[in-house]
Protein backbone atom coordinates (compact mmCIF):
# COMPACT_ATOMS: atom_id res chain seq x y z
CA MET A 1 5.53 8.60 3.99
CA PHE A 2 4.19 5.11 4.54
CA GLY A 3 3.80 1.97 2.48
CA ASP A 4 0.33 1.13 3.77
CA PRO A 5 -2.72 3.42 3.48
CA ASP A 6 -3.92 2.36 6.93
CA TYR A 7 -1.32 4.70 8.41
CA VAL A 8 -2.76 7.61 6.44
CA GLU A 9 -6.21 6.82 7.77
CA ALA A 10 -4.66 6.99 11.26
CA GLY A 11 -3.19 10.46 10.63
CA GLY A 12 -0.11 9.94 8.46
CA LEU A 13 0.52 12.34 5.58
CA ILE A 14 0.90 10.12 2.52
CA SER A 15 1.35 6.49 1.51
CA TYR A 16 2.23 4.69 -1.67
CA GLY A 17 2.30 0.92 -1.79
CA ASP A 18 0.50 -2.35 -1.96
CA ARG A 19 -2.46 -3.07 0.31
CA LEU A 20 -1.64 -5.46 3.15
CA ALA A 21 -4.59 -7.69 2.19
CA SER A 22 -3.08 -8.26 -1.25
CA PHE A 23 0.27 -9.17 0.31
CA ILE A 24 -1.44 -11.63 2.64
CA ARG A 25 -3.19 -13.33 -0.30
CA GLN A 26 0.16 -13.77 -2.07
CA THR A 27 1.75 -15.12 1.10
CA THR A 28 -1.11 -17.58 1.55
CA TYR A 29 -0.46 -18.91 -1.97
CA TYR A 30 3.20 -19.55 -1.11
CA VAL A 31 2.37 -21.27 2.18
CA ASP A 32 -0.15 -23.49 0.37
CA GLN A 33 2.41 -24.49 -2.26
CA ILE A 34 5.09 -25.24 0.34
CA ILE A 35 2.68 -27.35 2.42
CA LYS A 36 1.86 -29.31 -0.75
CA GLY A 37 5.58 -30.10 -1.15
CA ALA A 38 6.97 -27.36 -3.38
CA LYS A 39 10.50 -26.20 -2.67
CA PRO A 40 10.57 -22.49 -1.74
CA ALA A 41 13.52 -21.93 -4.10
CA ASP A 42 11.42 -23.22 -7.01
CA LEU A 43 8.54 -20.78 -6.45
CA PRO A 44 8.48 -17.66 -8.61
CA VAL A 45 9.21 -14.27 -7.12
CA GLN A 46 6.08 -12.15 -7.18
CA GLN A 47 5.85 -8.41 -6.99
CA PRO A 48 2.83 -6.21 -6.37
CA THR A 49 0.90 -5.35 -9.51
CA ARG A 50 -1.24 -2.56 -8.08
CA PHE A 51 -0.07 0.29 -5.93
CA GLU A 52 -2.31 2.75 -4.08
CA LEU A 53 -1.64 6.40 -3.32
CA ALA A 54 -3.38 7.85 -0.25
CA VAL A 55 -3.16 11.46 0.97
CA ASN A 56 -4.40 12.94 4.24
CA LEU A 57 -5.27 16.60 3.60
CA LYS A 58 -6.00 17.28 7.26
CA THR A 59 -2.45 16.29 8.20
CA ALA A 60 -1.06 18.32 5.30
CA ARG A 61 -2.91 21.43 6.54
CA GLU A 62 -1.65 20.88 10.08
CA LEU A 63 1.92 20.68 8.75
CA GLY A 64 1.41 23.76 6.57
CA LEU A 65 1.88 21.82 3.34
CA LYS A 66 0.05 22.36 0.06
CA VAL A 67 -0.54 19.12 -1.81
CA PRO A 68 -0.34 19.68 -5.59
CA GLU A 69 -3.60 19.20 -7.50
CA MET A 70 -1.89 16.68 -9.76
CA VAL A 71 -1.14 14.44 -6.76
CA LEU A 72 -4.75 14.69 -5.59
CA ALA A 73 -5.98 13.88 -9.09
CA VAL A 74 -4.13 10.57 -9.23
CA ALA A 75 -4.63 9.59 -5.57
CA ASP A 76 -6.73 6.50 -4.92
CA GLN A 77 -7.80 7.84 -1.54
CA VAL A 78 -7.95 11.43 -0.27
CA ILE A 79 -8.83 11.96 3.37
CA GLU A 80 -10.31 15.40 4.08
């Protein structure tokens, strides 16, 4: 299980988490605010608002696993 769907695209079984690009955008906002003089302790804590579920069916077959239909139905990305 991974936190980034890029690992699933590379052959991992399943991932659930925030896209790295979204994390980078949030980080860029913080860096911008700090460069403009904001104190890091005064900046709000942000959490991801959208999570993605990715499943690699090829890897599941190779491991002899059956992925439930309900998981496939809610997955954002299914790799055949």
